[in-house]
């Protein structure tokens, strides 16, 4: 009897500890990922063609005035469902175990953009997930919208 109570308490404490670690990791990963994405988008001069709900390429203005193409790609069917960033031929994972992610594109009037030339704002919606002994721990980042500050809207 005492052994089963101790075993139950041990499992509860162990599962709770892992869940707390998962939440901390998801919070840290989403904070860092959103910082990287936000830095690139705020320095963005424009979105290139071929953008959709899972990926886009933005031209990021560098300190010397040159433009760097940076691609963000969500691979929902890949192992660990990562959100990756590719720049200068180097791909890095900025978030992993992404359960759901979509990018949405808006023009200067905050209406849905229909062509890359119109894109002035990009909104990200995502859900990160971790599992503890078959139970799901999730952290939802409901929405983060960024404005491409270096995008010209008139000549």
Protein backbone atom coordinates (compact mmCIF):
# COMPACT_ATOMS: atom_id res chain seq x y z
CA UNK A 1 0.00 0.00 0.00
CA UNK A 2 2.70 2.48 1.01
CA UNK A 3 4.81 1.39 -1.96
CA UNK A 4 1.99 2.12 -4.43
CA UNK A 5 1.40 5.56 -2.86
CA UNK A 6 5.11 6.35 -3.08
CA UNK A 7 5.26 5.10 -6.68
CA UNK A 8 2.23 7.25 -7.62
CA UNK A 9 3.76 10.31 -5.98
CA UNK A 10 7.10 9.67 -7.71
CA UNK A 11 5.42 9.38 -11.15
CA UNK A 12 3.35 12.53 -10.54
CA UNK A 13 6.42 14.54 -9.49
CA UNK A 14 8.46 13.19 -12.41
CA UNK A 15 5.76 13.96 -14.98
CA UNK A 16 5.21 17.45 -13.51
CA UNK A 17 8.94 18.19 -13.63
CA UNK A 18 9.15 17.17 -17.29
CA UNK A 19 6.04 19.23 -18.10
CA UNK A 20 7.56 22.31 -16.45
CA UNK A 21 10.77 21.80 -18.42
CA UNK A 22 8.75 21.46 -21.65
CA UNK A 23 6.86 24.69 -21.02
CA UNK A 24 10.10 26.49 -20.24
CA UNK A 25 11.74 25.14 -23.40
CA UNK A 26 8.73 26.04 -25.59
CA UNK A 27 8.63 29.55 -24.12
CA UNK A 28 12.35 30.06 -24.71
CA UNK A 29 12.23 28.63 -28.23
CA UNK A 30 9.20 30.67 -29.29
CA UNK A 31 10.69 33.88 -27.81
CA UNK A 32 14.00 33.40 -29.63
CA UNK A 33 12.32 32.33 -32.87
CA UNK A 34 9.98 35.32 -32.88
CA UNK A 35 12.92 37.65 -32.19
CA UNK A 36 14.86 36.32 -35.20
CA UNK A 37 11.80 36.42 -37.45
CA UNK A 38 10.87 39.90 -36.23
CA UNK A 39 14.38 41.26 -36.78
CA UNK A 40 14.38 40.01 -40.38
CA UNK A 41 10.87 41.22 -41.16
CA UNK A 42 11.31 44.68 -39.66
CA UNK A 43 14.42 45.08 -41.85
CA UNK A 44 12.55 43.60 -44.81
CA UNK A 45 12.47 45.52 -48.05
CA UNK A 46 10.02 43.21 -49.78
CA UNK A 47 8.68 39.70 -50.24
CA UNK A 48 9.66 37.72 -53.32
CA UNK A 49 7.23 35.70 -55.41
CA UNK A 50 6.21 32.21 -54.44
CA UNK A 51 5.03 32.94 -50.90
CA UNK A 52 2.32 30.80 -49.27
CA UNK A 53 1.03 29.69 -45.84
CA UNK A 54 4.15 27.58 -45.17
CA UNK A 55 7.03 29.63 -46.57
CA UNK A 56 8.21 32.91 -47.96
CA UNK A 57 11.41 34.71 -48.94
CA UNK A 58 12.02 38.25 -47.76
CA UNK A 59 14.74 40.63 -48.90
CA UNK A 60 16.46 41.93 -45.76
CA UNK A 61 18.35 45.20 -45.95
CA UNK A 62 21.84 44.87 -44.46
CA UNK A 63 23.84 47.56 -42.64
CA UNK A 64 25.84 48.27 -45.83
CA UNK A 65 22.62 48.78 -47.82
CA UNK A 66 22.79 45.48 -49.68
CA UNK A 67 19.84 43.06 -49.78
CA UNK A 68 20.02 39.51 -48.40
CA UNK A 69 17.39 36.93 -49.38
CA UNK A 70 16.15 35.09 -46.28
CA UNK A 71 13.72 32.18 -46.61
CA UNK A 72 11.45 30.93 -43.83
CA UNK A 73 9.99 27.47 -44.34
CA UNK A 74 7.65 25.35 -42.22
CA UNK A 75 7.81 21.63 -43.03
CA UNK A 76 4.75 20.04 -41.38
CA UNK A 77 5.50 16.56 -42.74
CA UNK A 78 9.19 16.51 -41.82
CA UNK A 79 10.38 14.84 -38.60
CA UNK A 80 10.00 17.29 -35.71
CA UNK A 81 8.00 19.69 -37.97
CA UNK A 82 10.57 22.52 -37.94
CA UNK A 83 10.39 26.17 -38.88
CA UNK A 84 13.69 26.89 -40.61
CA UNK A 85 15.53 30.03 -41.73
CA UNK A 86 17.85 29.93 -44.75
CA UNK A 87 20.27 32.78 -45.49
CA UNK A 88 23.58 32.70 -47.41
CA UNK A 89 23.05 28.98 -48.09
CA UNK A 90 22.96 28.16 -44.37
CA UNK A 91 19.76 26.64 -42.94
CA UNK A 92 19.02 26.83 -39.21
CA UNK A 93 16.03 25.53 -37.26
CA UNK A 94 14.49 28.36 -35.27
CA UNK A 95 11.56 26.35 -33.85
CA UNK A 96 10.92 22.62 -33.66
CA UNK A 97 7.94 20.41 -32.78
CA UNK A 98 5.62 22.91 -34.43
CA UNK A 99 2.14 21.41 -34.43
CA UNK A 100 0.54 24.07 -36.61
CA UNK A 101 1.87 27.17 -38.35
CA UNK A 102 0.66 29.54 -41.02
CA UNK A 103 1.85 32.82 -42.49
CA UNK A 104 -0.64 35.46 -43.62
CA UNK A 105 0.21 38.45 -45.80
CA UNK A 106 -1.35 41.93 -45.68
CA UNK A 107 -0.99 45.21 -47.56
CA UNK A 108 -0.57 48.72 -46.14
CA UNK A 109 -4.31 48.96 -45.36
CA UNK A 110 -4.13 45.64 -43.38
CA UNK A 111 -6.16 43.84 -46.04
CA UNK A 112 -5.03 40.46 -47.47
CA UNK A 113 -2.30 40.96 -50.07
CA UNK A 114 -2.80 39.27 -53.43
CA UNK A 115 0.66 39.80 -54.98
CA UNK A 116 4.16 40.07 -53.46
CA UNK A 117 4.45 43.74 -54.38
CA UNK A 118 1.54 44.55 -52.03
CA UNK A 119 2.91 42.74 -48.95
CA UNK A 120 3.67 45.23 -46.16
CA UNK A 121 2.77 43.08 -43.13
CA UNK A 122 3.27 39.39 -42.33
CA UNK A 123 1.36 37.63 -39.60
CA UNK A 124 2.45 34.35 -38.05
CA UNK A 125 0.17 31.93 -36.19
CA UNK A 126 1.66 28.86 -34.56
CA UNK A 127 1.28 26.15 -31.96
CA UNK A 128 4.24 24.35 -30.40
CA UNK A 129 3.78 20.92 -28.83
CA UNK A 130 5.72 18.59 -26.53
CA UNK A 131 4.66 15.27 -25.01
CA UNK A 132 5.05 13.91 -21.48
CA UNK A 133 4.28 10.20 -21.12
CA UNK A 134 1.71 10.38 -23.89
CA UNK A 135 0.14 13.63 -22.67
CA UNK A 136 0.38 16.78 -24.77
CA UNK A 137 1.93 20.01 -23.46
CA UNK A 138 1.19 22.91 -25.79
CA UNK A 139 1.99 26.58 -25.94
CA UNK A 140 -0.02 28.63 -28.35
CA UNK A 141 1.42 31.78 -29.84
CA UNK A 142 -1.89 33.05 -31.10
CA UNK A 143 -0.54 35.70 -33.42
CA UNK A 144 2.46 37.91 -34.13
CA UNK A 145 2.26 40.50 -36.91
CA UNK A 146 5.31 42.31 -38.30
CA UNK A 147 5.60 45.34 -40.56
CA UNK A 148 8.26 45.44 -43.27
CA UNK A 149 9.69 48.83 -42.31
CA UNK A 150 12.11 49.09 -45.24
CA UNK A 151 9.47 48.34 -47.86
CA UNK A 152 8.73 51.36 -49.97
CA UNK A 153 5.06 52.05 -50.53
CA UNK A 154 5.52 54.91 -52.99
CA UNK A 155 8.24 56.19 -55.26
